[in-house]
């Protein structure tokens, strides 16, 4: 018995000691993270190091343990912070220019466009932008073309080979698992369900993927040709012939870059450009340090609220990467904010739950009764993402935004045969009515049940089309003709009347302020981002902790299979969703 108490007391003492150590570590790291960065000195160059950076709509920079994280080699950049930093630097007399340092950035085409546009706006201040890379991806190079001069390492690499979209199909896997998947849909191009019922693309789907991929590539080629003052056809020839792969001198001879330089040589060039008389007086300030010193100086009685709708539309509460009932609450509270004179709804979503999309549409409709509501589209604003956008006063999209996909489906997986044939589990059912066990995930639907679901899907599609027709002041028949689940780029959608103008969040905010007749205003972001410790507690709670730990433990190659699991588990009811997961490289 004495041995038991000794072990128990030793364990308690150890846990107490561990708690004290963790508290002290938390305090020290927390205080270190709160300490301010040094002030920006005169003749400074702002260094935008985006090597291995992952760009998101917004990021919370309050994680005091980032230095200990497994992915500490990856930096996270918020698109809103990027814009704010460059906007402030343009007016900062101590900043002489920008050094953009590139390598394997992770960002979608529309996000790259927005970052590039912010650099171009910075250049209007008369300050310079130089770019340097050792190993540049296609996305890196597109961003670099906003610079006055581009430099590549003498033995560096550059990928420039066009865009490619890959779609994974799960039909054979599901057959092997004896999973029956019944699909009910409306829309000739509503191909979100194809991976579950086919082994290859339909002709209609291949047509739309080809067209919007060509549209995105066309924007890239045109922007590159204009910036580099070379023929657009020559840009395409370079990609077709892989002329730049492992060949820096070809990049120089084709005028894709302005010079080949080692890092130390590039630093000398940079300092000479910043302050030719005395390069010793030139300082470099990191993006992260400059961001910490950034404080909003705008004080105004009226505000433009920027509401971020990011992620999949879900029937539940939602969160930072999901759009759910918390978005309804955010929009309702804004109606009561008398100081908010205009709202910009920033959408980055491929849709999801049709029912939640309808509820959000209603809240946006109520919000716009007494103030302008402008939509700004990010990488995606498709299907349910477009549903919540269509009622806005104006819609602004990037040329490469993926939008449209006005169509719906209902997917009903049945695991009865899987349980019986693969796991040896048999299920006996007792019903009070003929369809009491309908949609329970254990059996396929009967013909009459299928017809009922089809009617529901058709009704919701008709509602979706009417919402778009009313919001965009278009005829129902016309909308039906450009809908059918078809995906468009922002550039294509402009010609179809689905968006009003091309541009980014900055333009949407200006339009909102103009419509509200505001000359001076503050910007208020909603929802408020959770701090690090709130996110940590949420991630550790209940079933979510199990899902997060299992997902994080698996290699990235398993991501498509995790998406399949999430699809089969979580998509019940009518779905207004972008066609599957498309990876553009």
Protein backbone atom coordinates (compact mmCIF):
# COMPACT_ATOMS: atom_id res chain seq x y z
CA UNK A 1 0.00 0.00 0.00
CA UNK A 2 2.86 2.33 0.86
CA UNK A 3 4.36 1.66 -2.57
CA UNK A 4 1.09 2.68 -4.22
CA UNK A 5 0.99 6.01 -2.35
CA UNK A 6 4.63 6.66 -3.19
CA UNK A 7 3.96 6.12 -6.88
CA UNK A 8 0.82 8.27 -6.74
CA UNK A 9 2.57 11.14 -4.93
CA UNK A 10 5.54 10.95 -7.32
CA UNK A 11 3.18 11.08 -10.28
CA UNK A 12 1.32 14.08 -8.83
CA UNK A 13 4.60 15.87 -8.10
CA UNK A 14 5.80 15.19 -11.63
CA UNK A 15 2.59 16.52 -13.15
CA UNK A 16 2.78 19.64 -10.95
CA UNK A 17 6.39 20.24 -11.95
CA UNK A 18 5.52 19.78 -15.62
CA UNK A 19 2.65 22.25 -15.23
CA UNK A 20 4.97 24.84 -13.66
CA UNK A 21 7.55 24.39 -16.44
CA UNK A 22 4.87 24.72 -19.13
CA UNK A 23 3.50 27.86 -17.47
CA UNK A 24 6.95 29.48 -17.30
CA UNK A 25 7.66 28.52 -20.92
CA UNK A 26 4.29 29.93 -21.98
CA UNK A 27 4.99 33.17 -20.11
CA UNK A 28 8.49 33.61 -21.53
CA UNK A 29 7.55 32.81 -25.13
CA UNK A 30 4.37 34.85 -24.86
CA UNK A 31 6.25 37.93 -23.58
CA UNK A 32 8.86 37.47 -26.30
CA UNK A 33 6.17 37.33 -28.95
CA UNK A 34 4.58 40.54 -27.64
CA UNK A 35 7.80 42.54 -27.71
CA UNK A 36 7.71 45.07 -30.49
CA UNK A 37 9.97 45.02 -33.52
CA UNK A 38 12.56 47.75 -34.00
CA UNK A 39 11.43 50.93 -35.71
CA UNK A 40 11.96 51.23 -39.46
CA UNK A 41 15.14 53.16 -40.21
CA UNK A 42 15.59 55.63 -43.09
CA UNK A 43 16.67 54.19 -46.46
CA UNK A 44 15.10 50.82 -45.76
CA UNK A 45 14.14 48.13 -48.24
CA UNK A 46 11.06 46.09 -47.34
CA UNK A 47 11.88 42.39 -47.87
CA UNK A 48 8.87 40.32 -48.89
CA UNK A 49 10.20 36.79 -48.45
CA UNK A 50 7.53 34.45 -49.80
CA UNK A 51 9.71 31.35 -50.10
CA UNK A 52 7.68 28.29 -49.08
CA UNK A 53 4.86 30.62 -48.06
CA UNK A 54 1.24 29.50 -47.93
CA UNK A 55 -1.12 32.36 -48.67
CA UNK A 56 -4.56 32.43 -47.05
CA UNK A 57 -7.36 34.99 -46.82
CA UNK A 58 -6.42 35.84 -43.24
CA UNK A 59 -3.96 34.42 -40.72
CA UNK A 60 -3.59 34.87 -37.00
CA UNK A 61 -0.03 35.78 -36.17
CA UNK A 62 -0.35 35.19 -32.42
CA UNK A 63 1.06 31.64 -32.20
CA UNK A 64 3.97 31.95 -29.72
CA UNK A 65 5.09 28.39 -30.51
CA UNK A 66 5.44 28.68 -34.27
CA UNK A 67 9.19 28.31 -33.90
CA UNK A 68 8.67 24.81 -32.46
CA UNK A 69 6.07 23.70 -35.03
CA UNK A 70 6.70 20.77 -37.38
CA UNK A 71 6.05 23.04 -40.38
CA UNK A 72 8.21 25.92 -39.15
CA UNK A 73 9.84 26.07 -42.58
CA UNK A 74 6.49 27.20 -43.98
CA UNK A 75 5.39 30.79 -43.47
CA UNK A 76 1.77 31.84 -43.57
CA UNK A 77 0.73 35.09 -45.20
CA UNK A 78 -2.68 36.69 -44.91
CA UNK A 79 -3.83 38.35 -48.10
CA UNK A 80 -5.35 41.17 -46.02
CA UNK A 81 -1.99 41.72 -44.24
CA UNK A 82 -0.12 41.70 -47.56
CA UNK A 83 -2.34 44.46 -48.89
CA UNK A 84 -2.11 46.50 -45.66
CA UNK A 85 1.69 46.24 -45.52
CA UNK A 86 2.17 47.41 -49.11
CA UNK A 87 -0.41 50.17 -48.73
CA UNK A 88 1.39 51.49 -45.64
CA UNK A 89 4.87 51.06 -47.17
CA UNK A 90 3.86 53.16 -50.17
CA UNK A 91 3.36 56.16 -47.85
CA UNK A 92 6.26 55.36 -45.52
CA UNK A 93 9.13 57.77 -46.25
CA UNK A 94 11.64 55.39 -44.68
CA UNK A 95 10.82 52.65 -47.21
CA UNK A 96 12.66 53.18 -50.49
CA UNK A 97 11.51 50.05 -52.26
CA UNK A 98 10.61 46.38 -52.05
CA UNK A 99 12.65 43.21 -52.52
CA UNK A 100 10.41 40.30 -53.48
CA UNK A 101 12.21 37.02 -52.71
CA UNK A 102 10.60 33.98 -54.28
CA UNK A 103 10.59 30.20 -54.15
CA UNK A 104 7.75 27.63 -54.22
CA UNK A 105 4.92 29.88 -53.07
CA UNK A 106 1.60 28.11 -52.42
CA UNK A 107 -1.30 30.21 -53.71
CA UNK A 108 -4.18 29.86 -56.15
CA UNK A 109 -4.27 31.90 -59.38
CA UNK A 110 -6.76 34.50 -58.07
CA UNK A 111 -4.71 34.97 -54.90
CA UNK A 112 -1.54 35.47 -56.96
CA UNK A 113 -3.42 38.06 -59.02
CA UNK A 114 -4.47 39.93 -55.90
CA UNK A 115 -0.91 39.90 -54.52
CA UNK A 116 0.46 41.07 -57.85
CA UNK A 117 -2.10 43.88 -58.08
CA UNK A 118 -1.08 45.08 -54.61
CA UNK A 119 2.55 45.28 -55.79
CA UNK A 120 1.49 47.25 -58.88
CA UNK A 121 -0.44 49.70 -56.68
CA UNK A 122 2.68 50.08 -54.50
CA UNK A 123 4.75 50.97 -57.58
CA UNK A 124 2.43 53.89 -58.31
CA UNK A 125 4.08 55.63 -55.33
CA UNK A 126 7.22 55.91 -57.46
CA UNK A 127 9.14 53.37 -55.40
CA UNK A 128 10.88 50.36 -56.91
CA UNK A 129 10.14 46.64 -56.74
CA UNK A 130 12.92 44.13 -57.44
CA UNK A 131 12.43 40.35 -57.50
CA UNK A 132 14.92 37.53 -56.88
CA UNK A 133 14.63 33.76 -56.99
CA UNK A 134 16.79 30.66 -56.81
CA UNK A 135 14.09 28.07 -57.52
CA UNK A 136 10.98 29.70 -58.94
CA UNK A 137 7.67 28.02 -59.61
CA UNK A 138 5.25 29.23 -62.24
CA UNK A 139 3.28 31.06 -59.55
CA UNK A 140 6.46 32.68 -58.25
CA UNK A 141 7.30 33.98 -61.70
CA UNK A 142 3.81 35.36 -62.32
CA UNK A 143 4.06 37.31 -59.07
CA UNK A 144 7.59 38.45 -59.97
CA UNK A 145 6.38 40.11 -63.19
CA UNK A 146 5.00 42.97 -61.07
CA UNK A 147 8.64 43.94 -60.40
CA UNK A 148 10.71 46.55 -62.23
CA UNK A 149 13.54 44.03 -62.54
CA UNK A 150 13.73 40.26 -62.04
CA UNK A 151 16.93 38.44 -61.09
CA UNK A 152 17.58 34.69 -61.13
CA UNK A 153 20.42 32.75 -59.53
CA UNK A 154 23.07 31.82 -62.18
CA UNK A 155 22.41 28.10 -61.65
CA UNK A 156 18.84 28.50 -60.45
CA UNK A 157 15.72 26.84 -61.79
CA UNK A 158 12.44 28.16 -63.13
CA UNK A 159 9.33 26.17 -64.03
CA UNK A 160 7.20 27.58 -66.83
CA UNK A 161 5.14 24.91 -68.57
CA UNK A 162 1.48 25.97 -68.54
CA UNK A 163 -1.42 24.91 -66.33
CA UNK A 164 -2.77 21.44 -65.68
CA UNK A 165 -5.87 20.30 -63.79
CA UNK A 166 -6.11 16.87 -62.20
CA UNK A 167 -9.34 15.24 -61.06
CA UNK A 168 -9.38 12.02 -59.01
CA UNK A 169 -12.10 9.41 -59.61
CA UNK A 170 -13.18 6.99 -56.88
CA UNK A 171 -15.64 4.73 -58.73
CA UNK A 172 -13.41 1.65 -58.83
CA UNK A 173 -12.41 2.09 -55.19
CA UNK A 174 -16.06 2.32 -54.15
CA UNK A 175 -16.85 -0.79 -56.21
CA UNK A 176 -14.09 -2.71 -54.43
CA UNK A 177 -15.55 -1.62 -51.09
CA UNK A 178 -19.09 -2.53 -52.21
CA UNK A 179 -20.28 1.03 -51.54
CA UNK A 180 -23.40 1.96 -53.50
CA UNK A 181 -23.65 5.67 -54.32
CA UNK A 182 -26.91 7.00 -55.74
CA UNK A 183 -26.76 10.43 -57.30
CA UNK A 184 -29.60 12.85 -57.94
CA UNK A 185 -28.65 16.07 -59.74
CA UNK A 186 -29.86 18.94 -61.88
CA UNK A 187 -27.48 20.50 -64.38
CA UNK A 188 -25.77 19.06 -67.43
CA UNK A 189 -22.43 20.38 -66.16
CA UNK A 190 -23.00 19.63 -62.45
CA UNK A 191 -20.05 17.29 -62.33
CA UNK A 192 -19.39 17.38 -58.59
CA UNK A 193 -20.66 13.80 -58.48
CA UNK A 194 -18.69 12.38 -61.42
CA UNK A 195 -15.78 11.03 -59.35
CA UNK A 196 -18.21 8.79 -57.47
CA UNK A 197 -20.09 7.32 -60.44
CA UNK A 198 -17.55 7.30 -63.27
CA UNK A 199 -13.95 6.43 -64.04
CA UNK A 200 -13.32 9.39 -66.33
CA UNK A 201 -14.54 12.86 -67.26
CA UNK A 202 -17.70 13.32 -69.25
CA UNK A 203 -17.37 15.29 -72.48
CA UNK A 204 -19.39 18.17 -70.97
CA UNK A 205 -17.07 18.32 -67.98
CA UNK A 206 -13.90 18.11 -70.05
CA UNK A 207 -15.23 20.97 -72.18
CA UNK A 208 -15.78 23.29 -69.20
CA UNK A 209 -12.48 22.38 -67.48
CA UNK A 210 -10.60 23.02 -70.73
CA UNK A 211 -12.31 26.38 -71.25
CA UNK A 212 -11.75 27.80 -67.79
CA UNK A 213 -8.18 26.47 -67.66
CA UNK A 214 -7.46 28.20 -70.98
CA UNK A 215 -9.08 31.36 -69.61
CA UNK A 216 -6.81 31.38 -66.53
CA UNK A 217 -3.73 30.64 -68.65
CA UNK A 218 -4.71 33.40 -71.05
CA UNK A 219 -4.76 35.93 -68.19
CA UNK A 220 -1.33 34.77 -67.02
CA UNK A 221 0.20 34.97 -70.51
CA UNK A 222 -1.29 38.38 -71.23
CA UNK A 223 -0.09 39.86 -67.93
CA UNK A 224 3.39 38.40 -68.34
CA UNK A 225 3.69 39.62 -71.94
CA UNK A 226 2.57 43.14 -70.99
CA UNK A 227 4.89 43.37 -67.99
CA UNK A 228 7.93 41.97 -69.79
CA UNK A 229 7.23 43.79 -73.06
CA UNK A 230 7.34 40.63 -75.14
CA UNK A 231 4.89 39.05 -77.54
CA UNK A 232 2.16 36.90 -75.94
CA UNK A 233 2.71 34.22 -78.56
CA UNK A 234 6.38 34.05 -77.52
CA UNK A 235 5.31 33.47 -73.91
CA UNK A 236 3.26 30.46 -74.99
CA UNK A 237 6.11 29.11 -77.14
CA UNK A 238 8.47 29.23 -74.14
CA UNK A 239 6.00 27.15 -72.12
CA UNK A 240 5.33 24.67 -74.95
CA UNK A 241 9.02 23.95 -75.44
CA UNK A 242 10.04 23.91 -71.73
CA UNK A 243 12.74 26.42 -72.66
CA UNK A 244 13.34 27.68 -69.12
CA UNK A 245 13.73 24.38 -67.31
CA UNK A 246 17.15 24.29 -65.63
CA UNK A 247 18.36 26.94 -68.07
CA UNK A 248 18.87 30.41 -66.48
CA UNK A 249 20.59 31.73 -69.60
CA UNK A 250 17.49 30.95 -71.67
CA UNK A 251 15.43 32.94 -69.16
CA UNK A 252 17.78 35.85 -69.73
CA UNK A 253 17.87 35.57 -73.54
CA UNK A 254 14.06 35.38 -73.79
CA UNK A 255 13.78 38.49 -71.55
CA UNK A 256 11.91 36.59 -68.86
CA UNK A 257 14.49 37.91 -66.38
CA UNK A 258 16.74 40.97 -66.37
CA UNK A 259 19.85 39.47 -64.86
CA UNK A 260 21.58 36.45 -63.35
CA UNK A 261 23.07 37.09 -59.93
CA UNK A 262 24.25 35.34 -56.80
CA UNK A 263 22.58 36.45 -53.58
CA UNK A 264 25.44 38.73 -52.49
CA UNK A 265 25.53 40.40 -55.91
CA UNK A 266 21.75 40.90 -55.81
CA UNK A 267 22.08 42.56 -52.36
CA UNK A 268 24.60 45.04 -53.77
CA UNK A 269 22.30 45.81 -56.72
CA UNK A 270 19.43 46.30 -54.31
CA UNK A 271 21.33 48.67 -52.05
CA UNK A 272 22.64 50.68 -54.98
CA UNK A 273 19.08 51.09 -56.26
CA UNK A 274 17.85 52.15 -52.82
CA UNK A 275 20.60 54.66 -52.00
CA UNK A 276 23.26 55.05 -54.66
CA UNK A 277 25.46 57.49 -52.69
CA UNK A 278 26.15 55.27 -49.66
CA UNK A 279 25.03 51.64 -49.72
CA UNK A 280 26.20 51.17 -46.12
CA UNK A 281 23.25 53.28 -44.98
CA UNK A 282 20.70 50.96 -46.58
CA UNK A 283 18.80 48.69 -44.19
CA UNK A 284 16.51 45.73 -44.81
CA UNK A 285 13.27 45.25 -42.88
CA UNK A 286 11.47 41.90 -42.92
CA UNK A 287 7.79 41.62 -43.82
CA UNK A 288 6.93 40.07 -40.44
CA UNK A 289 8.69 42.86 -38.51
CA UNK A 290 7.03 45.57 -40.58
CA UNK A 291 3.63 43.92 -40.07
CA UNK A 292 4.10 43.96 -36.27
CA UNK A 293 4.79 47.69 -36.40
CA UNK A 294 1.68 48.32 -38.46
CA UNK A 295 -1.07 50.17 -36.64
CA UNK A 296 -4.26 51.49 -38.13
CA UNK A 297 -4.17 55.27 -38.10
CA UNK A 298 -7.64 55.70 -39.52
CA UNK A 299 -10.13 57.07 -37.01
CA UNK A 300 -13.57 57.67 -38.42
CA UNK A 301 -17.12 57.60 -37.10
CA UNK A 302 -18.28 55.38 -39.96
CA UNK A 303 -17.04 51.97 -41.06
CA UNK A 304 -16.96 49.63 -44.02
CA UNK A 305 -17.27 46.08 -42.71
CA UNK A 306 -15.39 43.34 -44.55
CA UNK A 307 -17.05 40.00 -43.81
CA UNK A 308 -14.98 36.90 -44.67
CA UNK A 309 -16.99 33.89 -45.87
CA UNK A 310 -14.28 31.26 -46.28
CA UNK A 311 -14.53 27.50 -46.71
CA UNK A 312 -17.29 24.95 -47.18
CA UNK A 313 -20.90 25.94 -46.46
CA UNK A 314 -22.13 23.60 -43.72
CA UNK A 315 -25.37 23.02 -41.85
CA UNK A 316 -23.73 23.31 -38.43
CA UNK A 317 -22.12 26.18 -36.57
CA UNK A 318 -19.17 26.65 -38.89
CA UNK A 319 -15.77 28.04 -38.00
CA UNK A 320 -12.67 29.67 -39.48
CA UNK A 321 -12.63 27.29 -42.46
CA UNK A 322 -16.38 26.69 -42.65
CA UNK A 323 -19.41 28.86 -43.29
CA UNK A 324 -22.39 28.02 -41.08
CA UNK A 325 -24.79 29.48 -38.56
CA UNK A 326 -22.06 31.70 -37.13
CA UNK A 327 -22.16 33.62 -40.42
CA UNK A 328 -25.91 34.19 -39.95
CA UNK A 329 -25.17 35.68 -36.52
CA UNK A 330 -22.40 37.89 -37.92
CA UNK A 331 -24.69 39.34 -40.59
CA UNK A 332 -27.53 39.90 -38.11
CA UNK A 333 -25.26 41.83 -35.75
CA UNK A 334 -24.07 44.03 -38.61
CA UNK A 335 -27.68 45.07 -39.27
CA UNK A 336 -27.72 46.54 -35.78
CA UNK A 337 -24.39 48.35 -36.15
CA UNK A 338 -25.39 51.90 -37.02
CA UNK A 339 -21.78 52.95 -37.60
CA UNK A 340 -21.40 50.36 -40.40
CA UNK A 341 -22.50 52.17 -43.54
CA UNK A 342 -21.41 49.58 -46.11
CA UNK A 343 -20.49 45.89 -46.19
CA UNK A 344 -18.08 43.97 -48.39
CA UNK A 345 -18.76 40.23 -48.39
CA UNK A 346 -15.46 38.56 -49.22
CA UNK A 347 -16.27 35.08 -50.52
CA UNK A 348 -13.77 32.28 -50.94
CA UNK A 349 -15.97 29.20 -51.10
CA UNK A 350 -16.91 26.43 -53.48
CA UNK A 351 -20.28 26.11 -51.74
CA UNK A 352 -21.79 23.23 -49.82
CA UNK A 353 -25.12 22.96 -48.03
CA UNK A 354 -27.97 24.29 -50.15
CA UNK A 355 -30.16 25.00 -47.11
CA UNK A 356 -27.49 27.06 -45.33
CA UNK A 357 -26.73 28.91 -48.58
CA UNK A 358 -30.40 29.92 -48.74
CA UNK A 359 -30.35 31.14 -45.14
CA UNK A 360 -27.25 33.25 -45.73
CA UNK A 361 -28.81 34.62 -48.94
CA UNK A 362 -31.76 35.79 -46.83
CA UNK A 363 -29.53 37.56 -44.31
CA UNK A 364 -27.60 39.31 -47.11
CA UNK A 365 -30.96 40.40 -48.60
CA UNK A 366 -32.04 41.92 -45.27
CA UNK A 367 -28.64 43.58 -44.75
CA UNK A 368 -28.70 45.39 -48.11
CA UNK A 369 -32.06 47.08 -47.39
CA UNK A 370 -30.39 50.02 -45.65
CA UNK A 371 -26.76 49.92 -46.81
CA UNK A 372 -24.79 48.82 -49.89
CA UNK A 373 -23.48 45.27 -49.93
CA UNK A 374 -20.64 44.56 -52.35
CA UNK A 375 -19.25 41.08 -53.00
CA UNK A 376 -15.54 40.50 -53.51
CA UNK A 377 -14.72 37.06 -54.92
CA UNK A 378 -11.46 35.34 -54.06
CA UNK A 379 -10.15 32.07 -55.50
CA UNK A 380 -13.64 30.53 -55.53
CA UNK A 381 -17.18 31.85 -55.28
CA UNK A 382 -19.03 29.00 -56.94
CA UNK A 383 -22.30 27.13 -56.49
CA UNK A 384 -23.34 27.85 -52.88
CA UNK A 385 -20.61 30.52 -52.87
CA UNK A 386 -22.36 32.19 -55.80
CA UNK A 387 -25.79 31.64 -54.22
CA UNK A 388 -24.88 33.92 -51.29
CA UNK A 389 -23.29 36.46 -53.67
CA UNK A 390 -25.98 36.91 -56.31
CA UNK A 391 -28.19 39.32 -54.34
CA UNK A 392 -25.41 41.86 -53.71
CA UNK A 393 -25.53 45.38 -55.17
CA UNK A 394 -22.26 44.81 -57.04
CA UNK A 395 -20.04 41.77 -57.59
CA UNK A 396 -16.27 42.15 -58.07
CA UNK A 397 -14.21 39.12 -59.16
CA UNK A 398 -10.62 38.47 -60.13
CA UNK A 399 -10.25 37.43 -63.80
CA UNK A 400 -9.09 34.00 -62.59
CA UNK A 401 -11.74 33.51 -59.90
CA UNK A 402 -13.66 30.23 -60.28
CA UNK A 403 -17.37 31.03 -60.09
CA UNK A 404 -20.77 30.03 -61.46
CA UNK A 405 -21.54 26.31 -60.99
CA UNK A 406 -25.23 27.14 -60.60
CA UNK A 407 -26.55 23.65 -60.06
CA UNK A 408 -27.38 21.22 -57.26
CA UNK A 409 -27.11 17.54 -56.37
CA UNK A 410 -27.96 15.06 -53.65
CA UNK A 411 -25.64 12.14 -52.99
CA UNK A 412 -26.89 9.08 -51.11
CA UNK A 413 -24.18 6.54 -50.20
CA UNK A 414 -25.24 3.07 -49.00
CA UNK A 415 -22.86 1.02 -46.84
CA UNK A 416 -25.10 -2.01 -46.30
CA UNK A 417 -23.19 -4.31 -48.66
CA UNK A 418 -19.86 -3.04 -47.33
CA UNK A 419 -20.79 -4.02 -43.78
CA UNK A 420 -22.09 -7.41 -44.84
CA UNK A 421 -19.55 -8.51 -47.48
CA UNK A 422 -16.38 -6.81 -46.25
CA UNK A 423 -16.82 -6.71 -42.48
CA UNK A 424 -19.23 -9.55 -41.80
CA UNK A 425 -21.76 -7.25 -40.13
CA UNK A 426 -25.42 -7.94 -40.92
CA UNK A 427 -28.18 -5.45 -40.09
CA UNK A 428 -31.81 -6.40 -39.50
CA UNK A 429 -34.39 -3.60 -39.82
CA UNK A 430 -37.94 -3.25 -38.47
CA UNK A 431 -40.10 -0.41 -39.91
CA UNK A 432 -43.50 1.02 -39.08
CA UNK A 433 -43.84 2.38 -42.61
CA UNK A 434 -42.53 1.40 -46.01
CA UNK A 435 -39.80 4.08 -46.01
CA UNK A 436 -39.05 4.49 -42.30
CA UNK A 437 -35.43 3.52 -42.97
CA UNK A 438 -35.11 5.89 -45.93
CA UNK A 439 -31.74 7.68 -46.23
CA UNK A 440 -30.26 5.78 -43.29
CA UNK A 441 -27.12 4.95 -45.27
CA UNK A 442 -27.67 1.19 -45.20
CA UNK A 443 -29.74 0.55 -48.32
CA UNK A 444 -30.29 2.03 -51.76
CA UNK A 445 -33.39 4.03 -52.57
CA UNK A 446 -36.40 2.54 -54.30
CA UNK A 447 -37.56 4.05 -57.59
CA UNK A 448 -40.37 6.01 -55.92
CA UNK A 449 -37.98 7.33 -53.23
CA UNK A 450 -35.50 8.34 -55.92
CA UNK A 451 -38.27 10.28 -57.73
CA UNK A 452 -39.09 12.17 -54.53
CA UNK A 453 -35.45 13.21 -54.09
CA UNK A 454 -35.27 14.22 -57.76
CA UNK A 455 -38.30 16.48 -57.29
CA UNK A 456 -36.62 18.09 -54.27
CA UNK A 457 -33.41 18.68 -56.24
CA UNK A 458 -35.35 20.14 -59.18
CA UNK A 459 -37.27 22.50 -56.89
CA UNK A 460 -34.09 23.73 -55.27
CA UNK A 461 -32.44 24.25 -58.65
CA UNK A 462 -35.42 26.34 -59.80
CA UNK A 463 -35.13 28.41 -56.61
CA UNK A 464 -31.39 28.87 -57.20
CA UNK A 465 -31.99 30.06 -60.77
CA UNK A 466 -34.70 32.50 -59.61
CA UNK A 467 -32.38 33.92 -56.94
CA UNK A 468 -29.72 34.57 -59.57
CA UNK A 469 -32.21 35.99 -62.09
CA UNK A 470 -33.69 38.39 -59.53
CA UNK A 471 -30.36 39.41 -58.03
CA UNK A 472 -28.64 39.98 -61.35
CA UNK A 473 -31.74 41.37 -63.13
CA UNK A 474 -31.58 38.68 -65.80
CA UNK A 475 -34.24 36.49 -67.37
CA UNK A 476 -34.88 33.08 -65.80
CA UNK A 477 -34.50 31.32 -69.16
CA UNK A 478 -31.19 33.08 -69.80
CA UNK A 479 -29.83 32.16 -66.36
CA UNK A 480 -30.89 28.54 -66.86
CA UNK A 481 -28.95 28.54 -70.14
CA UNK A 482 -25.67 29.66 -68.50
CA UNK A 483 -26.28 27.66 -65.30
CA UNK A 484 -26.71 23.86 -65.46
CA UNK A 485 -23.80 23.57 -63.01
CA UNK A 486 -21.30 25.09 -65.43
CA UNK A 487 -18.14 26.63 -64.02
CA UNK A 488 -16.82 29.98 -65.30
CA UNK A 489 -13.77 32.10 -64.58
CA UNK A 490 -14.29 35.68 -63.43
CA UNK A 491 -13.33 36.90 -66.89
CA UNK A 492 -15.91 34.62 -68.51
CA UNK A 493 -18.56 35.44 -65.89
CA UNK A 494 -18.21 39.16 -66.64
CA UNK A 495 -19.32 38.53 -70.21
CA UNK A 496 -22.25 36.40 -68.98
CA UNK A 497 -23.55 39.07 -66.60
CA UNK A 498 -22.74 37.06 -63.47
CA UNK A 499 -20.27 39.66 -62.17
CA UNK A 500 -20.08 43.44 -62.61
CA UNK A 501 -16.39 44.24 -62.73
CA UNK A 502 -12.95 42.66 -62.44
CA UNK A 503 -10.68 43.45 -59.53
CA UNK A 504 -9.77 42.58 -55.98
CA UNK A 505 -10.85 43.33 -52.44
CA UNK A 506 -9.32 46.82 -52.56
CA UNK A 507 -11.60 47.78 -55.46
CA UNK A 508 -14.65 46.27 -53.75
CA UNK A 509 -14.00 48.36 -50.63
CA UNK A 510 -13.68 51.54 -52.72
CA UNK A 511 -16.96 50.79 -54.50
CA UNK A 512 -18.70 50.15 -51.16
CA UNK A 513 -17.44 53.44 -49.75
CA UNK A 514 -18.49 55.33 -52.88
CA UNK A 515 -21.99 53.87 -52.81
CA UNK A 516 -22.29 54.77 -49.11
CA UNK A 517 -20.97 58.28 -49.92
CA UNK A 518 -18.08 57.94 -47.46
CA UNK A 519 -14.95 60.04 -47.95
CA UNK A 520 -13.32 58.93 -44.68
CA UNK A 521 -13.96 55.56 -43.10
CA UNK A 522 -12.41 52.79 -41.05
CA UNK A 523 -12.35 49.14 -42.10
CA UNK A 524 -13.77 46.58 -39.69
CA UNK A 525 -13.14 42.86 -40.30
CA UNK A 526 -15.64 40.21 -39.31
CA UNK A 527 -15.83 37.54 -37.99
CA UNK A 528 -13.13 38.37 -35.45
CA UNK A 529 -10.39 35.76 -35.72
CA UNK A 530 -9.95 33.42 -32.77
CA UNK A 531 -6.69 33.83 -30.89
CA UNK A 532 -4.16 31.01 -30.74
CA UNK A 533 -5.29 29.55 -27.43
CA UNK A 534 -8.99 29.56 -28.39
CA UNK A 535 -8.15 27.71 -31.60
CA UNK A 536 -6.00 25.24 -29.68
CA UNK A 537 -8.80 24.46 -27.21
CA UNK A 538 -11.34 24.10 -30.04
CA UNK A 539 -9.04 21.78 -31.98
CA UNK A 540 -8.49 19.62 -28.88
CA UNK A 541 -12.16 19.25 -28.02
CA UNK A 542 -14.19 16.10 -28.60
CA UNK A 543 -14.47 14.37 -31.96
CA UNK A 544 -12.71 17.21 -33.74
CA UNK A 545 -9.52 16.38 -31.85
CA UNK A 546 -9.67 12.79 -33.10
CA UNK A 547 -10.24 13.91 -36.70
CA UNK A 548 -7.47 16.53 -36.53
CA UNK A 549 -4.93 14.11 -35.03
CA UNK A 550 -5.70 11.40 -37.59
CA UNK A 551 -5.53 13.85 -40.49
CA UNK A 552 -2.28 15.42 -39.32
CA UNK A 553 -0.69 12.00 -38.85
CA UNK A 554 -1.20 11.01 -42.48
CA UNK A 555 1.07 12.10 -45.36
CA UNK A 556 -0.19 14.73 -47.80
CA UNK A 557 -0.66 12.01 -50.43
CA UNK A 558 -3.65 10.75 -48.43
CA UNK A 559 -5.50 14.09 -48.72
CA UNK A 560 -7.77 12.92 -51.59
CA UNK A 561 -8.85 9.88 -49.57
CA UNK A 562 -9.59 12.05 -46.55
CA UNK A 563 -11.70 14.21 -48.84
CA UNK A 564 -13.55 11.10 -50.00
CA UNK A 565 -14.21 10.12 -46.37
CA UNK A 566 -15.49 13.61 -45.56
CA UNK A 567 -17.70 13.56 -48.63
CA UNK A 568 -19.34 10.25 -47.83
CA UNK A 569 -19.73 11.16 -44.17
CA UNK A 570 -20.87 14.76 -44.27
CA UNK A 571 -22.80 15.76 -47.38
CA UNK A 572 -26.44 15.12 -46.60
CA UNK A 573 -29.32 16.99 -48.19
CA UNK A 574 -29.26 19.19 -51.28
CA UNK A 575 -25.74 20.38 -52.09
CA UNK A 576 -24.83 23.47 -54.09
CA UNK A 577 -21.15 22.73 -54.47
CA UNK A 578 -18.23 23.26 -56.82
CA UNK A 579 -17.30 20.18 -58.88
CA UNK A 580 -15.03 18.11 -56.60
CA UNK A 581 -11.44 18.98 -55.80
CA UNK A 582 -9.51 20.42 -58.74
CA UNK A 583 -5.75 20.87 -58.45
CA UNK A 584 -4.26 23.40 -60.89
CA UNK A 585 -0.50 23.14 -61.32
